[in-house]
């Protein structure tokens, strides 16, 4: 994998059935080398009746697109997480101790 793609990056599909479409990355599976794109590669899976899903029915899932078929258009902006600062006067001070 030559590219360093991350979640929320905007990419363009450069080959396959969805060639030319642009979308945002929702999930990446590094082991299999595939990425799930928002609105692209959606498939309906028929679910069998079971104890967990007694009604059965259809479920929409993402089918991954190979990372080699994607081209980075716009990288996701990194947002540094906020750091909680603790006031030194409130740090484990025992009352009455000198």
PDB file of N, CA and C in Angstrom:
ATOM      1  N   UNK A   1       0.850  -1.175   0.000  1.00  0.00           N
ATOM      2  CA  UNK A   1       0.000   0.000   0.000  1.00  0.00           C
ATOM      3  C   UNK A   1       0.896   1.238   0.000  1.00  0.00           C
ATOM      4  N   UNK A   2       0.845   1.990  -1.062  1.00  0.00           N
ATOM      5  CA  UNK A   2       1.706   3.149  -1.200  1.00  0.00           C
ATOM      6  C   UNK A   2       1.129   4.378  -0.496  1.00  0.00           C
ATOM      7  N   UNK A   3      -0.198   4.458  -0.391  1.00  0.00           N
ATOM      8  CA  UNK A   3      -0.832   5.625   0.188  1.00  0.00           C
ATOM      9  C   UNK A   3      -1.077   5.430   1.672  1.00  0.00           C
ATOM     10  N   UNK A   4      -1.099   6.524   2.389  1.00  0.00           N
ATOM     11  CA  UNK A   4      -1.407   6.473   3.804  1.00  0.00           C
ATOM     12  C   UNK A   4      -2.798   7.075   3.997  1.00  0.00           C
ATOM     13  N   UNK A   5      -3.833   6.279   3.730  1.00  0.00           N
ATOM     14  CA  UNK A   5      -5.207   6.748   3.822  1.00  0.00           C
ATOM     15  C   UNK A   5      -5.724   6.554   5.232  1.00  0.00           C
ATOM     16  N   UNK A   6      -6.600   7.478   5.652  1.00  0.00           N
ATOM     17  CA  UNK A   6      -7.185   7.432   6.991  1.00  0.00           C
ATOM     18  C   UNK A   6      -8.698   7.619   6.881  1.00  0.00           C
ATOM     19  N   UNK A   7      -9.388   7.371   7.993  1.00  0.00           N
ATOM     20  CA  UNK A   7     -10.823   7.599   8.054  1.00  0.00           C
ATOM     21  C   UNK A   7     -11.083   9.097   7.885  1.00  0.00           C
ATOM     22  N   UNK A   8     -12.169   9.427   7.206  1.00  0.00           N
ATOM     23  CA  UNK A   8     -12.617  10.792   6.902  1.00  0.00           C
ATOM     24  C   UNK A   8     -11.823  11.470   5.795  1.00  0.00           C
ATOM     25  N   UNK A   9     -10.878  10.773   5.152  1.00  0.00           N
ATOM     26  CA  UNK A   9     -10.207  11.323   3.975  1.00  0.00           C
ATOM     27  C   UNK A   9     -11.176  11.277   2.794  1.00  0.00           C
ATOM     28  N   UNK A  10     -11.087  12.269   1.911  1.00  0.00           N
ATOM     29  CA  UNK A  10     -11.890  12.271   0.698  1.00  0.00           C
ATOM     30  C   UNK A  10     -11.049  11.637  -0.402  1.00  0.00           C
ATOM     31  N   UNK A  11     -11.606  10.597  -1.041  1.00  0.00           N
ATOM     32  CA  UNK A  11     -10.865   9.867  -2.067  1.00  0.00           C
ATOM     33  C   UNK A  11     -11.683   9.783  -3.353  1.00  0.00           C
ATOM     34  N   UNK A  12     -10.974   9.463  -4.434  1.00  0.00           N
ATOM     35  CA  UNK A  12     -11.602   9.268  -5.738  1.00  0.00           C
ATOM     36  C   UNK A  12     -11.316   7.842  -6.185  1.00  0.00           C
ATOM     37  N   UNK A  13     -12.337   7.156  -6.707  1.00  0.00           N
ATOM     38  CA  UNK A  13     -12.169   5.794  -7.213  1.00  0.00           C
ATOM     39  C   UNK A  13     -11.577   5.898  -8.614  1.00  0.00           C
ATOM     40  N   UNK A  14     -10.428   5.227  -8.830  1.00  0.00           N
ATOM     41  CA  UNK A  14      -9.734   5.374 -10.117  1.00  0.00           C
ATOM     42  C   UNK A  14      -9.930   4.174 -11.042  1.00  0.00           C
ATOM     43  N   UNK A  15     -10.548   3.084 -10.529  1.00  0.00           N
ATOM     44  CA  UNK A  15     -10.839   1.958 -11.411  1.00  0.00           C
ATOM     45  C   UNK A  15     -11.985   1.140 -10.844  1.00  0.00           C
ATOM     46  N   UNK A  16     -12.634   0.390 -11.710  1.00  0.00           N
ATOM     47  CA  UNK A  16     -13.751  -0.443 -11.293  1.00  0.00           C
ATOM     48  C   UNK A  16     -15.084   0.146 -11.731  1.00  0.00           C
ATOM     49  N   UNK A  17     -16.177  -0.421 -11.211  1.00  0.00           N
ATOM     50  CA  UNK A  17     -17.522   0.006 -11.596  1.00  0.00           C
ATOM     51  C   UNK A  17     -17.829   1.437 -11.162  1.00  0.00           C
ATOM     52  N   UNK A  18     -17.245   1.877 -10.078  1.00  0.00           N
ATOM     53  CA  UNK A  18     -17.518   3.208  -9.534  1.00  0.00           C
ATOM     54  C   UNK A  18     -16.452   4.229  -9.912  1.00  0.00           C
ATOM     55  N   UNK A  19     -15.777   4.013 -11.036  1.00  0.00           N
ATOM     56  CA  UNK A  19     -14.685   4.881 -11.467  1.00  0.00           C
ATOM     57  C   UNK A  19     -15.159   6.324 -11.612  1.00  0.00           C
ATOM     58  N   UNK A  20     -14.368   7.255 -11.027  1.00  0.00           N
ATOM     59  CA  UNK A  20     -14.658   8.673 -11.132  1.00  0.00           C
ATOM     60  C   UNK A  20     -15.452   9.235  -9.970  1.00  0.00           C
ATOM     61  N   UNK A  21     -16.026   8.391  -9.135  1.00  0.00           N
ATOM     62  CA  UNK A  21     -16.823   8.878  -8.007  1.00  0.00           C
ATOM     63  C   UNK A  21     -15.907   9.267  -6.849  1.00  0.00           C
ATOM     64  N   UNK A  22     -16.321  10.310  -6.126  1.00  0.00           N
ATOM     65  CA  UNK A  22     -15.591  10.765  -4.944  1.00  0.00           C
ATOM     66  C   UNK A  22     -16.438  10.514  -3.712  1.00  0.00           C
ATOM     67  N   UNK A  23     -15.786  10.095  -2.626  1.00  0.00           N
ATOM     68  CA  UNK A  23     -16.507   9.817  -1.378  1.00  0.00           C
ATOM     69  C   UNK A  23     -15.550   9.893  -0.203  1.00  0.00           C
ATOM     70  N   UNK A  24     -16.124   9.865   0.986  1.00  0.00           N
ATOM     71  CA  UNK A  24     -15.363   9.915   2.230  1.00  0.00           C
ATOM     72  C   UNK A  24     -15.191   8.494   2.761  1.00  0.00           C
ATOM     73  N   UNK A  25     -14.030   8.197   3.331  1.00  0.00           N
ATOM     74  CA  UNK A  25     -13.758   6.873   3.879  1.00  0.00           C
ATOM     75  C   UNK A  25     -14.463   6.733   5.225  1.00  0.00           C
ATOM     76  N   UNK A  26     -15.236   5.650   5.368  1.00  0.00           N
ATOM     77  CA  UNK A  26     -15.970   5.373   6.602  1.00  0.00           C
ATOM     78  C   UNK A  26     -15.191   4.404   7.483  1.00  0.00           C
ATOM     79  N   UNK A  27     -14.594   3.378   6.865  1.00  0.00           N
ATOM     80  CA  UNK A  27     -13.872   2.351   7.621  1.00  0.00           C
ATOM     81  C   UNK A  27     -12.758   1.775   6.746  1.00  0.00           C
ATOM     82  N   UNK A  28     -11.646   1.404   7.382  1.00  0.00           N
ATOM     83  CA  UNK A  28     -10.519   0.812   6.656  1.00  0.00           C
ATOM     84  C   UNK A  28     -10.156  -0.504   7.318  1.00  0.00           C
ATOM     85  N   UNK A  29      -9.944  -1.531   6.478  1.00  0.00           N
ATOM     86  CA  UNK A  29      -9.464  -2.816   6.963  1.00  0.00           C
ATOM     87  C   UNK A  29      -8.059  -3.006   6.400  1.00  0.00           C
ATOM     88  N   UNK A  30      -7.059  -2.745   7.213  1.00  0.00           N
ATOM     89  CA  UNK A  30      -5.665  -2.794   6.759  1.00  0.00           C
ATOM     90  C   UNK A  30      -5.231  -4.223   6.419  1.00  0.00           C
ATOM     91  N   UNK A  31      -5.775  -5.196   7.126  1.00  0.00           N
ATOM     92  CA  UNK A  31      -5.366  -6.587   6.910  1.00  0.00           C
ATOM     93  C   UNK A  31      -5.740  -7.062   5.505  1.00  0.00           C
ATOM     94  N   UNK A  32      -6.981  -6.760   5.083  1.00  0.00           N
ATOM     95  CA  UNK A  32      -7.416  -7.183   3.750  1.00  0.00           C
ATOM     96  C   UNK A  32      -7.134  -6.116   2.685  1.00  0.00           C
ATOM     97  N   UNK A  33      -6.724  -4.905   3.122  1.00  0.00           N
ATOM     98  CA  UNK A  33      -6.382  -3.849   2.170  1.00  0.00           C
ATOM     99  C   UNK A  33      -7.583  -3.247   1.481  1.00  0.00           C
ATOM    100  N   UNK A  34      -8.696  -3.096   2.229  1.00  0.00           N
ATOM    101  CA  UNK A  34      -9.919  -2.550   1.646  1.00  0.00           C
ATOM    102  C   UNK A  34     -10.446  -1.401   2.488  1.00  0.00           C
ATOM    103  N   UNK A  35     -11.181  -0.494   1.829  1.00  0.00           N
ATOM    104  CA  UNK A  35     -11.784   0.650   2.504  1.00  0.00           C
ATOM    105  C   UNK A  35     -13.264   0.708   2.147  1.00  0.00           C
ATOM    106  N   UNK A  36     -14.089   1.082   3.111  1.00  0.00           N
ATOM    107  CA  UNK A  36     -15.517   1.259   2.892  1.00  0.00           C
ATOM    108  C   UNK A  36     -15.783   2.743   2.704  1.00  0.00           C
ATOM    109  N   UNK A  37     -16.471   3.080   1.606  1.00  0.00           N
ATOM    110  CA  UNK A  37     -16.735   4.473   1.265  1.00  0.00           C
ATOM    111  C   UNK A  37     -18.197   4.814   1.495  1.00  0.00           C
ATOM    112  N   UNK A  38     -18.437   6.075   1.844  1.00  0.00           N
ATOM    113  CA  UNK A  38     -19.776   6.552   2.143  1.00  0.00           C
ATOM    114  C   UNK A  38     -20.609   6.597   0.856  1.00  0.00           C
ATOM    115  N   UNK A  39     -21.667   5.785   0.794  1.00  0.00           N
ATOM    116  CA  UNK A  39     -22.578   5.787  -0.348  1.00  0.00           C
ATOM    117  C   UNK A  39     -22.118   4.961  -1.542  1.00  0.00           C
ATOM    118  N   UNK A  40     -20.950   4.353  -1.468  1.00  0.00           N
ATOM    119  CA  UNK A  40     -20.438   3.535  -2.579  1.00  0.00           C
ATOM    120  C   UNK A  40     -20.198   2.118  -2.064  1.00  0.00           C
ATOM    121  N   UNK A  41     -20.599   1.134  -2.842  1.00  0.00           N
ATOM    122  CA  UNK A  41     -20.374  -0.253  -2.470  1.00  0.00           C
ATOM    123  C   UNK A  41     -21.363  -0.769  -1.441  1.00  0.00           C
ATOM    124  N   UNK A  42     -22.600  -0.265  -1.477  1.00  0.00           N
ATOM    125  CA  UNK A  42     -23.627  -0.742  -0.553  1.00  0.00           C
ATOM    126  C   UNK A  42     -24.352  -1.929  -1.177  1.00  0.00           C
ATOM    127  N   UNK A  43     -24.534  -2.995  -0.394  1.00  0.00           N
ATOM    128  CA  UNK A  43     -25.168  -4.212  -0.860  1.00  0.00           C
ATOM    129  C   UNK A  43     -26.189  -4.646   0.180  1.00  0.00           C
ATOM    130  N   UNK A  44     -27.318  -5.209  -0.270  1.00  0.00           N
ATOM    131  CA  UNK A  44     -28.307  -5.723   0.667  1.00  0.00           C
ATOM    132  C   UNK A  44     -28.017  -7.192   0.936  1.00  0.00           C
ATOM    133  N   UNK A  45     -27.914  -7.526   2.205  1.00  0.00           N
ATOM    134  CA  UNK A  45     -27.685  -8.908   2.625  1.00  0.00           C
ATOM    135  C   UNK A  45     -28.978  -9.428   3.224  1.00  0.00           C
ATOM    136  N   UNK A  46     -29.427 -10.608   2.797  1.00  0.00           N
ATOM    137  CA  UNK A  46     -30.637 -11.213   3.332  1.00  0.00           C
ATOM    138  C   UNK A  46     -30.288 -11.966   4.608  1.00  0.00           C
ATOM    139  N   UNK A  47     -30.977 -11.617   5.698  1.00  0.00           N
ATOM    140  CA  UNK A  47     -30.694 -12.209   7.003  1.00  0.00           C
ATOM    141  C   UNK A  47     -31.706 -13.317   7.300  1.00  0.00           C
ATOM    142  N   UNK A  48     -31.205 -14.433   7.760  1.00  0.00           N
ATOM    143  CA  UNK A  48     -32.030 -15.563   8.132  1.00  0.00           C
ATOM    144  C   UNK A  48     -32.662 -15.294   9.499  1.00  0.00           C
ATOM    145  N   UNK A  49     -33.841 -15.867   9.748  1.00  0.00           N
ATOM    146  CA  UNK A  49     -34.463 -15.731  11.053  1.00  0.00           C
ATOM    147  C   UNK A  49     -33.592 -16.408  12.095  1.00  0.00           C
ATOM    148  N   UNK A  50     -33.428 -15.742  13.240  1.00  0.00           N
ATOM    149  CA  UNK A  50     -32.626 -16.315  14.313  1.00  0.00           C
ATOM    150  C   UNK A  50     -33.162 -15.809  15.647  1.00  0.00           C
ATOM    151  N   UNK A  51     -32.541 -16.264  16.714  1.00  0.00           N
ATOM    152  CA  UNK A  51     -32.952 -15.835  18.049  1.00  0.00           C
ATOM    153  C   UNK A  51     -32.711 -14.339  18.225  1.00  0.00           C
ATOM    154  N   UNK A  52     -31.595 -13.847  17.712  1.00  0.00           N
ATOM    155  CA  UNK A  52     -31.257 -12.428  17.821  1.00  0.00           C
ATOM    156  C   UNK A  52     -32.133 -11.580  16.909  1.00  0.00           C
ATOM    157  N   UNK A  53     -32.427 -12.080  15.712  1.00  0.00           N
ATOM    158  CA  UNK A  53     -33.225 -11.358  14.720  1.00  0.00           C
ATOM    159  C   UNK A  53     -34.417 -12.232  14.331  1.00  0.00           C
ATOM    160  N   UNK A  54     -35.483 -12.252  15.148  1.00  0.00           N
ATOM    161  CA  UNK A  54     -36.596 -13.175  14.895  1.00  0.00           C
ATOM    162  C   UNK A  54     -37.376 -12.877  13.617  1.00  0.00           C
ATOM    163  N   UNK A  55     -37.349 -11.633  13.143  1.00  0.00           N
ATOM    164  CA  UNK A  55     -38.102 -11.294  11.941  1.00  0.00           C
ATOM    165  C   UNK A  55     -37.329 -11.602  10.659  1.00  0.00           C
ATOM    166  N   UNK A  56     -36.008 -11.705  10.753  1.00  0.00           N
ATOM    167  CA  UNK A  56     -35.204 -11.880   9.541  1.00  0.00           C
ATOM    168  C   UNK A  56     -35.194 -10.578   8.759  1.00  0.00           C
ATOM    169  N   UNK A  57     -35.120 -10.649   7.425  1.00  0.00           N
ATOM    170  CA  UNK A  57     -35.205  -9.448   6.594  1.00  0.00           C
ATOM    171  C   UNK A  57     -33.914  -9.123   5.877  1.00  0.00           C
ATOM    172  N   UNK A  58     -33.792  -7.853   5.487  1.00  0.00           N
ATOM    173  CA  UNK A  58     -32.638  -7.394   4.725  1.00  0.00           C
ATOM    174  C   UNK A  58     -31.814  -6.434   5.559  1.00  0.00           C
ATOM    175  N   UNK A  59     -30.499  -6.429   5.312  1.00  0.00           N
ATOM    176  CA  UNK A  59     -29.579  -5.547   6.006  1.00  0.00           C
ATOM    177  C   UNK A  59     -28.630  -4.963   4.967  1.00  0.00           C
ATOM    178  N   UNK A  60     -28.429  -3.653   4.978  1.00  0.00           N
ATOM    179  CA  UNK A  60     -27.512  -3.005   4.042  1.00  0.00           C
ATOM    180  C   UNK A  60     -26.115  -2.973   4.647  1.00  0.00           C
ATOM    181  N   UNK A  61     -25.133  -3.477   3.897  1.00  0.00           N
ATOM    182  CA  UNK A  61     -23.753  -3.516   4.368  1.00  0.00           C
ATOM    183  C   UNK A  61     -22.836  -2.860   3.331  1.00  0.00           C
ATOM    184  N   UNK A  62     -21.636  -2.485   3.775  1.00  0.00           N
ATOM    185  CA  UNK A  62     -20.617  -1.944   2.880  1.00  0.00           C
ATOM    186  C   UNK A  62     -19.767  -3.084   2.333  1.00  0.00           C
ATOM    187  N   UNK A  63     -19.437  -2.998   1.058  1.00  0.00           N
ATOM    188  CA  UNK A  63     -18.479  -3.902   0.449  1.00  0.00           C
ATOM    189  C   UNK A  63     -17.221  -3.079   0.214  1.00  0.00           C
ATOM    190  N   UNK A  64     -16.101  -3.556   0.720  1.00  0.00           N
ATOM    191  CA  UNK A  64     -14.867  -2.787   0.636  1.00  0.00           C
ATOM    192  C   UNK A  64     -14.327  -2.659  -0.773  1.00  0.00           C
ATOM    193  N   UNK A  65     -13.681  -1.539  -1.026  1.00  0.00           N
ATOM    194  CA  UNK A  65     -12.994  -1.285  -2.297  1.00  0.00           C
ATOM    195  C   UNK A  65     -11.500  -1.341  -2.017  1.00  0.00           C
ATOM    196  N   UNK A  66     -10.762  -2.012  -2.877  1.00  0.00           N
ATOM    197  CA  UNK A  66      -9.328  -2.179  -2.675  1.00  0.00           C
ATOM    198  C   UNK A  66      -8.627  -0.832  -2.605  1.00  0.00           C
ATOM    199  N   UNK A  67      -7.669  -0.705  -1.681  1.00  0.00           N
ATOM    200  CA  UNK A  67      -6.966   0.558  -1.483  1.00  0.00           C
ATOM    201  C   UNK A  67      -6.180   0.993  -2.716  1.00  0.00           C
ATOM    202  N   UNK A  68      -5.776   0.025  -3.546  1.00  0.00           N
ATOM    203  CA  UNK A  68      -5.025   0.373  -4.759  1.00  0.00           C
ATOM    204  C   UNK A  68      -5.913   1.043  -5.802  1.00  0.00           C
ATOM    205  N   UNK A  69      -7.235   0.964  -5.631  1.00  0.00           N
ATOM    206  CA  UNK A  69      -8.169   1.586  -6.566  1.00  0.00           C
ATOM    207  C   UNK A  69      -8.617   2.964  -6.108  1.00  0.00           C
ATOM    208  N   UNK A  70      -8.000   3.496  -5.055  1.00  0.00           N
ATOM    209  CA  UNK A  70      -8.387   4.787  -4.514  1.00  0.00           C
ATOM    210  C   UNK A  70      -7.258   5.800  -4.640  1.00  0.00           C
ATOM    211  N   UNK A  71      -7.640   7.053  -4.869  1.00  0.00           N
ATOM    212  CA  UNK A  71      -6.673   8.144  -4.978  1.00  0.00           C
ATOM    213  C   UNK A  71      -7.091   9.233  -3.997  1.00  0.00           C
ATOM    214  N   UNK A  72      -6.169   9.700  -3.181  1.00  0.00           N
ATOM    215  CA  UNK A  72      -6.446  10.731  -2.193  1.00  0.00           C
ATOM    216  C   UNK A  72      -6.738  12.065  -2.877  1.00  0.00           C
ATOM    217  N   UNK A  73      -7.892  12.668  -2.522  1.00  0.00           N
ATOM    218  CA  UNK A  73      -8.264  13.969  -3.067  1.00  0.00           C
ATOM    219  C   UNK A  73      -8.030  15.047  -2.028  1.00  0.00           C
ATOM    220  N   UNK A  74      -8.512  14.785  -0.809  1.00  0.00           N
ATOM    221  CA  UNK A  74      -8.382  15.762   0.263  1.00  0.00           C
ATOM    222  C   UNK A  74      -8.189  15.022   1.578  1.00  0.00           C
ATOM    223  N   UNK A  75      -7.114  15.338   2.288  1.00  0.00           N
ATOM    224  CA  UNK A  75      -6.829  14.679   3.557  1.00  0.00           C
ATOM    225  C   UNK A  75      -7.719  15.255   4.656  1.00  0.00           C
ATOM    226  N   UNK A  76      -8.080  14.394   5.616  1.00  0.00           N
ATOM    227  CA  UNK A  76      -8.875  14.842   6.756  1.00  0.00           C
ATOM    228  C   UNK A  76      -8.020  15.746   7.626  1.00  0.00           C
ATOM    229  N   UNK A  77      -8.639  16.790   8.154  1.00  0.00           N
ATOM    230  CA  UNK A  77      -7.905  17.713   9.010  1.00  0.00           C
ATOM    231  C   UNK A  77      -7.773  17.109  10.394  1.00  0.00           C
ATOM    232  N   UNK A  78      -6.575  17.181  10.932  1.00  0.00           N
ATOM    233  CA  UNK A  78      -6.311  16.642  12.267  1.00  0.00           C
ATOM    234  C   UNK A  78      -6.772  17.651  13.308  1.00  0.00           C
ATOM    235  N   UNK A  79      -7.594  17.186  14.230  1.00  0.00           N
ATOM    236  CA  UNK A  79      -8.070  18.039  15.314  1.00  0.00           C
ATOM    237  C   UNK A  79      -7.467  17.501  16.595  1.00  0.00           C
ATOM    238  N   UNK A  80      -6.649  18.326  17.241  1.00  0.00           N
ATOM    239  CA  UNK A  80      -5.994  17.901  18.466  1.00  0.00           C
ATOM    240  C   UNK A  80      -7.027  17.834  19.593  1.00  0.00           C
ATOM    241  N   UNK A  81      -7.098  16.711  20.305  1.00  0.00           N
ATOM    242  CA  UNK A  81      -8.083  16.595  21.378  1.00  0.00           C
ATOM    243  C   UNK A  81      -7.783  17.559  22.520  1.00  0.00           C
ATOM    244  N   UNK A  82      -8.843  18.051  23.140  1.00  0.00           N
ATOM    245  CA  UNK A  82      -8.691  18.992  24.238  1.00  0.00           C
ATOM    246  C   UNK A  82      -8.086  18.292  25.446  1.00  0.00           C
ATOM    247  N   UNK A  83      -7.232  19.007  26.159  1.00  0.00           N
ATOM    248  CA  UNK A  83      -6.573  18.456  27.344  1.00  0.00           C
ATOM    249  C   UNK A  83      -7.191  19.105  28.568  1.00  0.00           C
ATOM    250  N   UNK A  84      -7.612  18.266  29.510  1.00  0.00           N
ATOM    251  CA  UNK A  84      -8.169  18.796  30.748  1.00  0.00           C
ATOM    252  C   UNK A  84      -7.023  19.202  31.659  1.00  0.00           C
ATOM    253  N   UNK A  85      -7.081  20.435  32.125  1.00  0.00           N
ATOM    254  CA  UNK A  85      -6.039  20.928  33.033  1.00  0.00           C
ATOM    255  C   UNK A  85      -6.586  20.926  34.441  1.00  0.00           C
ATOM    256  N   UNK A  86      -5.802  20.388  35.351  1.00  0.00           N
ATOM    257  CA  UNK A  86      -6.215  20.296  36.736  1.00  0.00           C
ATOM    258  C   UNK A  86      -5.546  21.412  37.520  1.00  0.00           C
ATOM    259  N   UNK A  87      -6.343  22.109  38.330  1.00  0.00           N
ATOM    260  CA  UNK A  87      -5.820  23.186  39.158  1.00  0.00           C
ATOM    261  C   UNK A  87      -4.969  22.573  40.269  1.00  0.00           C
ATOM    262  N   UNK A  88      -3.749  23.068  40.450  1.00  0.00           N
ATOM    263  CA  UNK A  88      -2.819  22.499  41.434  1.00  0.00           C
ATOM    264  C   UNK A  88      -3.344  22.629  42.860  1.00  0.00           C
ATOM    265  N   UNK A  89      -4.159  23.639  43.123  1.00  0.00           N
ATOM    266  CA  UNK A  89      -4.670  23.835  44.481  1.00  0.00           C
ATOM    267  C   UNK A  89      -5.716  22.788  44.856  1.00  0.00           C
ATOM    268  N   UNK A  90      -6.295  22.089  43.861  1.00  0.00           N
ATOM    269  CA  UNK A  90      -7.322  21.091  44.139  1.00  0.00           C
ATOM    270  C   UNK A  90      -6.795  19.667  44.111  1.00  0.00           C
ATOM    271  N   UNK A  91      -5.495  19.478  43.954  1.00  0.00           N
ATOM    272  CA  UNK A  91      -4.888  18.158  43.816  1.00  0.00           C
ATOM    273  C   UNK A  91      -4.666  17.502  45.161  1.00  0.00           C
ATOM    274  N   UNK A  92      -5.441  16.512  45.508  1.00  0.00           N
ATOM    275  CA  UNK A  92      -5.258  15.645  46.683  1.00  0.00           C
ATOM    276  C   UNK A  92      -4.656  16.356  47.890  1.00  0.00           C
ATOM    277  N   UNK A  93      -5.230  17.420  48.291  1.00  0.00           N
ATOM    278  CA  UNK A  93      -4.758  18.154  49.459  1.00  0.00           C
ATOM    279  C   UNK A  93      -5.605  17.746  50.657  1.00  0.00           C
ATOM    280  N   UNK A  94      -4.943  17.255  51.705  1.00  0.00           N
ATOM    281  CA  UNK A  94      -5.670  16.862  52.919  1.00  0.00           C
ATOM    282  C   UNK A  94      -5.974  18.096  53.730  1.00  0.00           C
ATOM    283  N   UNK A  95      -7.188  18.164  54.194  1.00  0.00           N
ATOM    284  CA  UNK A  95      -7.603  19.308  55.000  1.00  0.00           C
ATOM    285  C   UNK A  95      -6.984  19.210  56.398  1.00  0.00           C
ATOM    286  N   UNK A  96      -6.457  20.287  56.885  1.00  0.00           N
ATOM    287  CA  UNK A  96      -5.891  20.339  58.224  1.00  0.00           C
ATOM    288  C   UNK A  96      -4.426  19.925  58.279  1.00  0.00           C
ATOM    289  N   UNK A  97      -3.869  19.392  57.220  1.00  0.00           N
ATOM    290  CA  UNK A  97      -2.455  18.985  57.225  1.00  0.00           C
ATOM    291  C   UNK A  97      -1.582  20.162  56.855  1.00  0.00           C
ATOM    292  N   UNK A  98      -0.417  20.241  57.494  1.00  0.00           N
ATOM    293  CA  UNK A  98       0.521  21.324  57.210  1.00  0.00           C
ATOM    294  C   UNK A  98       1.748  20.860  56.534  1.00  0.00           C
TER     295      UNK A  98
END
